[in-house]
């Protein structure tokens, strides 16, 4: 297994070897696909904290290679279902993503709410900022006709569709009205 990347050992459709836990009192082990791992306990870091992922998984150490000290996290929920999902314990991001995406579990109980509200368009302010930009930056009036420019603005706020001038002549007329 590669320690720098998430190592995923998953064969949910065809379980090749059912994991077995040896409950030796001195050194509990777990065998996955012929590899024996020592079960471990995640100790707090220097700041005295442990990640929430350890409540949902088990720390494993490769018992055949104690010098490399490769550590892994295995998902307890997947393990209980007969799936062997392991990730490197060098970082918690892969285990965190697994818990979020597969089990819909999140550190603080629920995902952050997605706000789908689009702010109400203030057309007068939009018109003022557009004219100010065109005049002060010496932008050609015809740039409002440019499809890329229009798509950019519509991406930011679809309400602009009916208010966005389609001709440079409209910009010229707006500017002339403002300077009367």
N, C-alpha and C. Protein backbone atom coordinates (compact mmCIF):
# COMPACT_ATOMS: atom_id res chain seq x y z
N UNK A 1 0.83 -1.20 0.00
CA UNK A 1 0.00 0.00 0.00
C UNK A 1 0.87 1.24 0.00
N UNK A 2 0.44 2.27 -0.70
CA UNK A 2 1.18 3.51 -0.80
C UNK A 2 0.78 4.41 0.36
N UNK A 3 1.75 4.82 1.16
CA UNK A 3 1.47 5.62 2.35
C UNK A 3 1.13 7.05 2.01
N UNK A 4 1.61 7.59 0.87
CA UNK A 4 1.39 8.99 0.55
C UNK A 4 0.01 9.23 -0.05
N UNK A 5 -0.56 8.23 -0.66
CA UNK A 5 -1.88 8.40 -1.25
C UNK A 5 -2.88 7.52 -0.51
N UNK A 6 -4.15 7.83 -0.68
CA UNK A 6 -5.17 6.99 -0.06
C UNK A 6 -5.11 5.63 -0.72
N UNK A 7 -5.06 4.61 0.08
CA UNK A 7 -5.06 3.25 -0.45
C UNK A 7 -6.43 2.68 -0.22
N UNK A 8 -7.08 2.35 -1.28
CA UNK A 8 -8.43 1.83 -1.16
C UNK A 8 -8.43 0.36 -1.53
N UNK A 9 -8.81 -0.45 -0.56
CA UNK A 9 -8.93 -1.88 -0.80
C UNK A 9 -10.40 -2.17 -0.69
N UNK A 10 -11.08 -2.21 -1.81
CA UNK A 10 -12.51 -2.40 -1.75
C UNK A 10 -12.95 -3.34 -2.84
N UNK A 11 -13.63 -4.39 -2.44
CA UNK A 11 -14.22 -5.31 -3.38
C UNK A 11 -15.57 -5.72 -2.82
N UNK A 12 -16.51 -4.76 -2.76
CA UNK A 12 -17.79 -5.04 -2.12
C UNK A 12 -18.60 -6.12 -2.84
N UNK A 13 -18.42 -6.27 -4.16
CA UNK A 13 -19.22 -7.24 -4.89
C UNK A 13 -18.70 -8.66 -4.72
N UNK A 14 -17.37 -8.80 -4.68
CA UNK A 14 -16.77 -10.12 -4.60
C UNK A 14 -15.80 -10.15 -3.43
N UNK A 15 -16.26 -10.47 -2.23
CA UNK A 15 -15.33 -10.52 -1.10
C UNK A 15 -14.39 -11.71 -1.26
N UNK A 16 -13.07 -11.40 -1.47
CA UNK A 16 -12.11 -12.47 -1.71
C UNK A 16 -11.75 -13.18 -0.41
N UNK A 17 -11.51 -12.42 0.61
CA UNK A 17 -11.23 -13.05 1.90
C UNK A 17 -11.90 -12.23 2.98
N UNK A 18 -12.72 -12.87 3.75
CA UNK A 18 -13.43 -12.18 4.81
C UNK A 18 -12.43 -11.78 5.89
N UNK A 19 -12.40 -10.50 6.29
CA UNK A 19 -11.47 -10.07 7.32
C UNK A 19 -11.74 -10.80 8.62
N UNK A 20 -10.67 -11.12 9.32
CA UNK A 20 -10.83 -11.79 10.61
C UNK A 20 -10.09 -11.00 11.66
N UNK A 21 -10.70 -10.88 12.81
CA UNK A 21 -10.07 -10.18 13.92
C UNK A 21 -9.58 -11.22 14.92
N UNK A 22 -8.31 -11.14 15.26
CA UNK A 22 -7.74 -12.00 16.28
C UNK A 22 -7.73 -11.20 17.56
N UNK A 23 -8.41 -11.68 18.55
CA UNK A 23 -8.54 -10.90 19.77
C UNK A 23 -7.53 -11.33 20.83
N UNK A 24 -6.28 -11.41 20.42
CA UNK A 24 -5.23 -11.69 21.37
C UNK A 24 -5.18 -10.53 22.35
N UNK A 25 -5.12 -10.82 23.63
CA UNK A 25 -5.19 -9.78 24.66
C UNK A 25 -4.03 -8.82 24.54
N UNK A 26 -2.83 -9.31 24.20
CA UNK A 26 -1.66 -8.45 24.14
C UNK A 26 -1.59 -7.65 22.85
N UNK A 27 -1.92 -8.23 21.74
CA UNK A 27 -1.77 -7.57 20.46
C UNK A 27 -2.90 -7.93 19.51
N UNK A 28 -4.04 -7.23 19.57
CA UNK A 28 -5.13 -7.53 18.65
C UNK A 28 -4.70 -7.25 17.21
N UNK A 29 -5.09 -8.12 16.30
CA UNK A 29 -4.72 -7.97 14.90
C UNK A 29 -5.94 -8.10 14.01
N UNK A 30 -5.77 -7.66 12.78
CA UNK A 30 -6.82 -7.75 11.78
C UNK A 30 -6.17 -8.22 10.49
N UNK A 31 -6.72 -9.24 9.87
CA UNK A 31 -6.18 -9.74 8.61
C UNK A 31 -7.09 -9.32 7.48
N UNK A 32 -6.50 -8.62 6.50
CA UNK A 32 -7.24 -8.17 5.32
C UNK A 32 -6.46 -8.60 4.10
N UNK A 33 -7.09 -9.41 3.26
CA UNK A 33 -6.47 -9.89 2.03
C UNK A 33 -5.06 -10.44 2.27
N UNK A 34 -4.90 -11.20 3.33
CA UNK A 34 -3.64 -11.87 3.62
C UNK A 34 -2.61 -11.03 4.34
N UNK A 35 -2.90 -9.77 4.58
CA UNK A 35 -1.96 -8.90 5.29
C UNK A 35 -2.46 -8.75 6.73
N UNK A 36 -1.55 -8.93 7.67
CA UNK A 36 -1.92 -8.83 9.08
C UNK A 36 -1.56 -7.43 9.58
N UNK A 37 -2.56 -6.78 10.17
CA UNK A 37 -2.38 -5.44 10.71
C UNK A 37 -2.57 -5.50 12.22
N UNK A 38 -1.83 -4.66 12.92
CA UNK A 38 -2.04 -4.50 14.35
C UNK A 38 -3.08 -3.40 14.54
N UNK A 39 -4.04 -3.67 15.40
CA UNK A 39 -5.03 -2.65 15.73
C UNK A 39 -4.41 -1.67 16.71
N UNK A 40 -4.68 -0.40 16.50
CA UNK A 40 -4.10 0.60 17.38
C UNK A 40 -5.14 1.61 17.82
N UNK A 41 -4.74 2.42 18.74
CA UNK A 41 -5.61 3.47 19.26
C UNK A 41 -5.01 4.81 18.84
N UNK A 42 -5.84 5.71 18.35
CA UNK A 42 -5.33 7.00 17.92
C UNK A 42 -5.13 7.87 19.14
N UNK A 43 -3.89 8.29 19.34
CA UNK A 43 -3.56 9.15 20.47
C UNK A 43 -3.69 10.61 20.05
N UNK A 44 -3.94 11.49 21.00
CA UNK A 44 -4.05 12.92 20.67
C UNK A 44 -2.75 13.45 20.08
N UNK A 45 -2.87 14.49 19.25
CA UNK A 45 -1.69 15.13 18.68
C UNK A 45 -1.04 16.06 19.71
N UNK A 46 -0.08 16.86 19.28
CA UNK A 46 0.65 17.76 20.19
C UNK A 46 -0.28 18.73 20.92
N UNK A 47 -1.35 19.09 20.27
CA UNK A 47 -2.29 20.04 20.88
C UNK A 47 -3.35 19.34 21.70
N UNK A 48 -3.23 18.02 21.83
CA UNK A 48 -4.18 17.26 22.65
C UNK A 48 -5.49 16.95 21.96
N UNK A 49 -5.51 17.04 20.61
CA UNK A 49 -6.74 16.82 19.86
C UNK A 49 -6.64 15.55 19.03
N UNK A 50 -7.78 14.94 18.76
CA UNK A 50 -7.85 13.84 17.80
C UNK A 50 -8.98 14.16 16.83
N UNK A 51 -8.82 13.71 15.61
CA UNK A 51 -9.82 13.96 14.58
C UNK A 51 -11.09 13.16 14.87
N UNK A 52 -12.20 13.67 14.41
CA UNK A 52 -13.48 12.99 14.59
C UNK A 52 -13.55 11.68 13.81
N UNK A 53 -12.70 11.50 12.81
CA UNK A 53 -12.76 10.28 11.99
C UNK A 53 -12.45 9.04 12.80
N UNK A 54 -11.71 9.19 13.90
CA UNK A 54 -11.33 8.03 14.70
C UNK A 54 -12.51 7.44 15.46
N UNK A 55 -13.59 8.21 15.58
CA UNK A 55 -14.81 7.66 16.20
C UNK A 55 -15.52 6.72 15.24
N UNK A 56 -15.21 6.84 13.94
CA UNK A 56 -15.88 6.07 12.90
C UNK A 56 -14.97 5.04 12.24
N UNK A 57 -13.73 4.93 12.72
CA UNK A 57 -12.80 4.00 12.09
C UNK A 57 -11.80 3.43 13.07
N UNK A 58 -10.94 2.57 12.55
CA UNK A 58 -9.95 1.88 13.35
C UNK A 58 -8.57 2.18 12.80
N UNK A 59 -7.61 2.39 13.69
CA UNK A 59 -6.23 2.61 13.27
C UNK A 59 -5.55 1.26 13.09
N UNK A 60 -4.86 1.10 11.95
CA UNK A 60 -4.15 -0.13 11.66
C UNK A 60 -2.68 0.20 11.41
N UNK A 61 -1.81 -0.74 11.77
CA UNK A 61 -0.39 -0.62 11.47
C UNK A 61 0.05 -1.91 10.80
N UNK A 62 0.85 -1.79 9.76
CA UNK A 62 1.34 -2.96 9.04
C UNK A 62 2.29 -3.72 9.97
N UNK A 63 1.89 -4.91 10.40
CA UNK A 63 2.68 -5.67 11.36
C UNK A 63 3.91 -6.29 10.73
N UNK A 64 3.94 -6.44 9.40
CA UNK A 64 5.08 -7.05 8.74
C UNK A 64 6.21 -6.05 8.49
N UNK A 65 5.91 -4.79 8.57
CA UNK A 65 6.92 -3.78 8.28
C UNK A 65 6.92 -2.70 9.38
N UNK A 66 7.32 -3.05 10.60
CA UNK A 66 7.26 -2.09 11.71
C UNK A 66 8.24 -0.93 11.55
N UNK A 67 9.30 -1.09 10.76
CA UNK A 67 10.27 -0.01 10.58
C UNK A 67 9.70 1.14 9.76
N UNK A 68 8.89 0.83 8.75
CA UNK A 68 8.30 1.90 7.94
C UNK A 68 7.17 2.59 8.67
N UNK A 69 6.62 1.92 9.63
CA UNK A 69 5.56 2.48 10.48
C UNK A 69 4.38 3.01 9.67
N UNK A 70 3.99 2.27 8.64
CA UNK A 70 2.83 2.67 7.86
C UNK A 70 1.58 2.49 8.70
N UNK A 71 0.78 3.54 8.77
CA UNK A 71 -0.46 3.53 9.54
C UNK A 71 -1.62 3.76 8.59
N UNK A 72 -2.72 3.10 8.89
CA UNK A 72 -3.90 3.20 8.05
C UNK A 72 -5.14 3.39 8.90
N UNK A 73 -6.17 3.92 8.26
CA UNK A 73 -7.49 4.07 8.87
C UNK A 73 -8.43 3.19 8.07
N UNK A 74 -9.22 2.37 8.77
CA UNK A 74 -10.22 1.55 8.09
C UNK A 74 -11.59 1.97 8.59
N UNK A 75 -12.52 2.12 7.67
CA UNK A 75 -13.88 2.55 8.01
C UNK A 75 -14.60 1.42 8.74
N UNK A 76 -15.03 1.69 9.96
CA UNK A 76 -15.71 0.69 10.77
C UNK A 76 -17.05 0.28 10.15
N UNK A 77 -17.77 1.24 9.60
CA UNK A 77 -19.08 0.94 9.00
C UNK A 77 -18.93 0.03 7.77
N UNK A 78 -17.96 0.35 6.92
CA UNK A 78 -17.73 -0.48 5.74
C UNK A 78 -17.23 -1.86 6.15
N UNK A 79 -16.37 -1.90 7.15
CA UNK A 79 -15.83 -3.16 7.63
C UNK A 79 -16.97 -4.06 8.14
N UNK A 80 -17.92 -3.47 8.85
CA UNK A 80 -19.06 -4.23 9.36
C UNK A 80 -19.93 -4.79 8.23
N UNK A 81 -19.88 -4.14 7.05
CA UNK A 81 -20.63 -4.61 5.88
C UNK A 81 -19.81 -5.55 5.01
N UNK A 82 -18.60 -5.89 5.45
CA UNK A 82 -17.75 -6.80 4.70
C UNK A 82 -16.89 -6.14 3.65
N UNK A 83 -16.82 -4.81 3.66
CA UNK A 83 -15.98 -4.06 2.72
C UNK A 83 -14.73 -3.60 3.47
N UNK A 84 -13.61 -3.63 2.79
CA UNK A 84 -12.34 -3.23 3.41
C UNK A 84 -11.86 -1.93 2.80
N UNK A 85 -12.26 -0.82 3.37
CA UNK A 85 -11.89 0.49 2.86
C UNK A 85 -10.81 1.06 3.77
N UNK A 86 -9.57 1.14 3.24
CA UNK A 86 -8.43 1.64 4.02
C UNK A 86 -7.88 2.91 3.38
N UNK A 87 -7.45 3.82 4.22
CA UNK A 87 -6.78 5.03 3.78
C UNK A 87 -5.55 5.25 4.64
N UNK A 88 -4.58 5.94 4.09
CA UNK A 88 -3.39 6.29 4.85
C UNK A 88 -3.81 7.14 6.05
N UNK A 89 -3.21 6.87 7.21
CA UNK A 89 -3.53 7.65 8.41
C UNK A 89 -2.63 8.87 8.53
N UNK A 90 -1.78 9.11 7.52
CA UNK A 90 -0.91 10.27 7.55
C UNK A 90 -1.68 11.57 7.43
N UNK A 91 -2.87 11.49 6.86
CA UNK A 91 -3.75 12.65 6.74
C UNK A 91 -5.18 12.16 6.97
N UNK A 92 -6.04 13.03 7.42
CA UNK A 92 -7.42 12.63 7.68
C UNK A 92 -8.37 13.04 6.56
N UNK A 93 -7.86 13.73 5.54
CA UNK A 93 -8.75 14.27 4.51
C UNK A 93 -9.45 13.18 3.70
N UNK A 94 -8.75 12.09 3.37
CA UNK A 94 -9.39 11.03 2.58
C UNK A 94 -10.46 10.31 3.39
N UNK A 95 -10.16 10.03 4.64
CA UNK A 95 -11.16 9.39 5.51
C UNK A 95 -12.35 10.31 5.72
N UNK A 96 -12.08 11.59 5.90
CA UNK A 96 -13.14 12.58 6.07
C UNK A 96 -14.04 12.61 4.84
N UNK A 97 -13.44 12.64 3.65
CA UNK A 97 -14.22 12.64 2.41
C UNK A 97 -15.04 11.36 2.28
N UNK A 98 -14.44 10.24 2.63
CA UNK A 98 -15.16 8.95 2.57
C UNK A 98 -16.40 9.00 3.46
N UNK A 99 -16.25 9.46 4.68
CA UNK A 99 -17.39 9.51 5.61
C UNK A 99 -18.46 10.47 5.10
N UNK A 100 -18.05 11.59 4.52
CA UNK A 100 -19.00 12.57 3.97
C UNK A 100 -19.77 11.99 2.80
N UNK A 101 -19.04 11.44 1.83
CA UNK A 101 -19.65 11.03 0.57
C UNK A 101 -20.37 9.69 0.64
N UNK A 102 -19.79 8.73 1.34
CA UNK A 102 -20.37 7.38 1.37
C UNK A 102 -21.42 7.23 2.46
N UNK A 103 -21.16 7.79 3.63
CA UNK A 103 -22.05 7.57 4.77
C UNK A 103 -22.83 8.82 5.18
N UNK A 104 -22.61 9.94 4.49
CA UNK A 104 -23.25 11.21 4.81
C UNK A 104 -23.04 11.58 6.28
N UNK A 105 -21.82 11.35 6.78
CA UNK A 105 -21.45 11.72 8.13
C UNK A 105 -20.52 12.92 8.05
N UNK A 106 -20.74 13.89 8.93
CA UNK A 106 -19.97 15.12 8.91
C UNK A 106 -19.48 15.44 10.32
N UNK A 107 -18.38 16.14 10.38
CA UNK A 107 -17.76 16.43 11.67
C UNK A 107 -18.71 17.12 12.63
N UNK A 108 -19.49 18.04 12.14
CA UNK A 108 -20.38 18.80 13.02
C UNK A 108 -21.84 18.38 12.88
N UNK A 109 -22.07 17.17 12.40
CA UNK A 109 -23.41 16.63 12.37
C UNK A 109 -24.15 16.73 11.05
N UNK A 110 -23.93 17.79 10.29
CA UNK A 110 -24.63 17.93 9.02
C UNK A 110 -23.80 18.80 8.09
N UNK A 111 -24.02 18.66 6.78
CA UNK A 111 -23.25 19.47 5.85
C UNK A 111 -23.65 20.94 5.97
N UNK A 112 -22.76 21.80 5.49
CA UNK A 112 -23.09 23.23 5.49
C UNK A 112 -24.26 23.47 4.54
N UNK A 113 -25.20 24.31 4.95
CA UNK A 113 -26.34 24.55 4.07
C UNK A 113 -25.91 25.25 2.79
N UNK A 114 -26.53 24.86 1.70
CA UNK A 114 -26.26 25.49 0.41
C UNK A 114 -27.35 26.53 0.18
N UNK A 115 -26.94 27.76 0.05
CA UNK A 115 -27.92 28.82 -0.16
C UNK A 115 -28.15 28.97 -1.65
N UNK A 116 -29.38 28.86 -2.04
CA UNK A 116 -29.70 28.97 -3.45
C UNK A 116 -30.36 30.30 -3.78
N UNK A 117 -30.36 31.21 -2.83
CA UNK A 117 -31.00 32.49 -3.09
C UNK A 117 -30.07 33.38 -3.90
N UNK A 118 -30.61 34.00 -4.91
CA UNK A 118 -29.87 34.93 -5.76
C UNK A 118 -30.26 36.33 -5.29
N UNK A 119 -29.27 37.18 -5.05
CA UNK A 119 -29.61 38.53 -4.59
C UNK A 119 -30.46 39.25 -5.62
N UNK A 120 -31.34 40.08 -5.13
CA UNK A 120 -32.22 40.86 -6.01
C UNK A 120 -31.37 41.89 -6.74
N UNK A 121 -31.60 41.99 -8.03
CA UNK A 121 -30.82 42.90 -8.86
C UNK A 121 -31.26 44.34 -8.63
N UNK A 122 -30.28 45.19 -8.35
CA UNK A 122 -30.52 46.63 -8.26
C UNK A 122 -30.08 47.21 -9.61
N UNK A 123 -31.04 47.36 -10.52
CA UNK A 123 -30.72 47.76 -11.88
C UNK A 123 -30.07 49.13 -11.93
N UNK A 124 -30.52 50.07 -11.13
CA UNK A 124 -29.96 51.42 -11.15
C UNK A 124 -28.47 51.38 -10.78
N UNK A 125 -28.13 50.58 -9.79
CA UNK A 125 -26.73 50.46 -9.37
C UNK A 125 -25.91 49.74 -10.46
N UNK A 126 -26.49 48.69 -11.05
CA UNK A 126 -25.80 47.98 -12.12
C UNK A 126 -25.50 48.94 -13.28
N UNK A 127 -26.50 49.72 -13.68
CA UNK A 127 -26.34 50.66 -14.79
C UNK A 127 -25.25 51.68 -14.47
N UNK A 128 -25.26 52.20 -13.25
CA UNK A 128 -24.26 53.19 -12.84
C UNK A 128 -22.84 52.59 -12.89
N UNK A 129 -22.67 51.38 -12.34
CA UNK A 129 -21.34 50.75 -12.34
C UNK A 129 -20.88 50.40 -13.75
N UNK A 130 -21.78 49.95 -14.60
CA UNK A 130 -21.43 49.61 -15.98
C UNK A 130 -20.96 50.86 -16.73
N UNK A 131 -21.72 51.95 -16.62
CA UNK A 131 -21.34 53.21 -17.29
C UNK A 131 -20.00 53.72 -16.75
N UNK A 132 -19.84 53.68 -15.44
CA UNK A 132 -18.61 54.14 -14.80
C UNK A 132 -17.41 53.34 -15.33
N UNK A 133 -17.55 52.04 -15.42
CA UNK A 133 -16.47 51.17 -15.92
C UNK A 133 -16.15 51.49 -17.38
N UNK A 134 -17.17 51.62 -18.21
CA UNK A 134 -16.96 51.88 -19.64
C UNK A 134 -16.29 53.24 -19.86
N UNK A 135 -16.75 54.27 -19.17
CA UNK A 135 -16.20 55.61 -19.36
C UNK A 135 -14.79 55.73 -18.78
N UNK A 136 -14.59 55.28 -17.55
CA UNK A 136 -13.29 55.45 -16.89
C UNK A 136 -12.19 54.56 -17.46
N UNK A 137 -12.54 53.43 -18.03
CA UNK A 137 -11.54 52.50 -18.58
C UNK A 137 -11.47 52.58 -20.11
N UNK A 138 -12.22 53.53 -20.69
CA UNK A 138 -12.22 53.74 -22.15
C UNK A 138 -12.58 52.45 -22.90
N UNK A 139 -13.64 51.79 -22.42
CA UNK A 139 -14.10 50.55 -23.04
C UNK A 139 -15.03 50.91 -24.20
N UNK A 140 -14.85 50.23 -25.30
CA UNK A 140 -15.71 50.44 -26.46
C UNK A 140 -17.16 50.13 -26.09
N UNK A 141 -18.07 50.98 -26.54
CA UNK A 141 -19.49 50.76 -26.23
C UNK A 141 -19.98 49.41 -26.76
N UNK A 142 -19.38 48.97 -27.83
CA UNK A 142 -19.84 47.73 -28.46
C UNK A 142 -19.48 46.48 -27.63
N UNK A 143 -18.68 46.62 -26.59
CA UNK A 143 -18.30 45.45 -25.78
C UNK A 143 -19.50 44.80 -25.10
N UNK A 144 -20.59 45.55 -24.91
CA UNK A 144 -21.79 44.95 -24.32
C UNK A 144 -22.44 43.96 -25.28
N UNK A 145 -22.06 44.02 -26.55
CA UNK A 145 -22.58 43.09 -27.54
C UNK A 145 -21.78 41.79 -27.57
N UNK A 146 -20.60 41.79 -26.95
CA UNK A 146 -19.71 40.64 -26.94
C UNK A 146 -20.35 39.48 -26.16
N UNK A 147 -20.44 38.33 -26.82
CA UNK A 147 -21.11 37.17 -26.21
C UNK A 147 -20.41 36.70 -24.94
N UNK A 148 -19.07 36.73 -24.93
CA UNK A 148 -18.33 36.31 -23.73
C UNK A 148 -18.62 37.22 -22.55
N UNK A 149 -18.66 38.52 -22.79
CA UNK A 149 -18.96 39.49 -21.73
C UNK A 149 -20.38 39.27 -21.20
N UNK A 150 -21.31 39.07 -22.10
CA UNK A 150 -22.71 38.86 -21.70
C UNK A 150 -22.84 37.57 -20.88
N UNK A 151 -22.18 36.50 -21.33
CA UNK A 151 -22.23 35.23 -20.61
C UNK A 151 -21.63 35.34 -19.21
N UNK A 152 -20.56 36.11 -19.09
CA UNK A 152 -19.94 36.33 -17.79
C UNK A 152 -20.92 36.99 -16.83
N UNK A 153 -21.57 38.05 -17.28
CA UNK A 153 -22.52 38.75 -16.41
C UNK A 153 -23.75 37.89 -16.09
N UNK A 154 -24.23 37.16 -17.09
CA UNK A 154 -25.41 36.30 -16.86
C UNK A 154 -25.09 35.15 -15.93
N UNK A 155 -23.84 34.70 -15.95
CA UNK A 155 -23.42 33.65 -15.02
C UNK A 155 -23.47 34.16 -13.58
N UNK A 156 -23.09 35.41 -13.39
CA UNK A 156 -23.10 35.99 -12.05
C UNK A 156 -24.52 36.25 -11.54
N UNK A 157 -25.40 36.66 -12.45
CA UNK A 157 -26.78 36.92 -12.05
C UNK A 157 -27.67 36.80 -13.28
N UNK A 158 -28.46 35.75 -13.33
CA UNK A 158 -29.31 35.50 -14.50
C UNK A 158 -30.40 36.56 -14.66
N UNK A 159 -30.68 37.33 -13.62
CA UNK A 159 -31.69 38.38 -13.71
C UNK A 159 -31.26 39.51 -14.65
N UNK A 160 -29.96 39.56 -14.95
CA UNK A 160 -29.46 40.61 -15.84
C UNK A 160 -29.95 40.44 -17.28
N UNK A 161 -30.38 39.23 -17.63
CA UNK A 161 -30.76 38.93 -19.00
C UNK A 161 -31.67 39.95 -19.63
N UNK A 162 -32.69 40.36 -18.93
CA UNK A 162 -33.65 41.31 -19.51
C UNK A 162 -33.20 42.76 -19.37
N UNK A 163 -32.14 43.02 -18.59
CA UNK A 163 -31.68 44.39 -18.35
C UNK A 163 -30.38 44.72 -19.07
N UNK A 164 -29.66 43.71 -19.49
CA UNK A 164 -28.36 43.93 -20.11
C UNK A 164 -28.55 44.52 -21.51
N UNK A 165 -27.94 45.67 -21.78
CA UNK A 165 -28.11 46.27 -23.11
C UNK A 165 -27.49 45.37 -24.18
N UNK A 166 -28.17 45.29 -25.30
CA UNK A 166 -27.70 44.41 -26.38
C UNK A 166 -26.99 45.21 -27.48
N UNK A 167 -26.90 46.52 -27.31
CA UNK A 167 -26.29 47.35 -28.34
C UNK A 167 -25.44 48.45 -27.69
N UNK A 168 -24.35 48.78 -28.38
CA UNK A 168 -23.52 49.89 -27.93
C UNK A 168 -24.27 51.21 -27.96
N UNK A 169 -25.29 51.31 -28.84
CA UNK A 169 -26.08 52.54 -28.92
C UNK A 169 -26.82 52.80 -27.61
N UNK A 170 -27.25 51.74 -26.94
CA UNK A 170 -27.94 51.90 -25.64
C UNK A 170 -26.98 52.49 -24.62
N UNK A 171 -25.75 52.02 -24.60
CA UNK A 171 -24.75 52.57 -23.68
C UNK A 171 -24.51 54.04 -23.98
N UNK A 172 -24.38 54.39 -25.27
CA UNK A 172 -24.19 55.78 -25.66
C UNK A 172 -25.35 56.64 -25.18
N UNK A 173 -26.58 56.14 -25.34
CA UNK A 173 -27.76 56.89 -24.90
C UNK A 173 -27.78 57.06 -23.38
N UNK A 174 -27.40 56.01 -22.65
CA UNK A 174 -27.34 56.11 -21.17
C UNK A 174 -26.32 57.16 -20.74
N UNK A 175 -25.19 57.16 -21.37
CA UNK A 175 -24.14 58.13 -21.03
C UNK A 175 -24.60 59.56 -21.35
N UNK A 176 -25.21 59.73 -22.50
CA UNK A 176 -25.70 61.05 -22.88
C UNK A 176 -26.75 61.56 -21.89
N UNK A 177 -27.64 60.65 -21.42
CA UNK A 177 -28.67 61.05 -20.43
C UNK A 177 -28.02 61.49 -19.12
N UNK A 178 -26.97 60.82 -18.71
CA UNK A 178 -26.31 61.15 -17.45
C UNK A 178 -25.56 62.47 -17.50
N UNK A 179 -25.11 62.87 -18.68
CA UNK A 179 -24.34 64.11 -18.79
C UNK A 179 -25.15 65.30 -19.27
N UNK A 180 -26.48 65.18 -19.31
CA UNK A 180 -27.33 66.32 -19.72
C UNK A 180 -27.52 67.25 -18.56
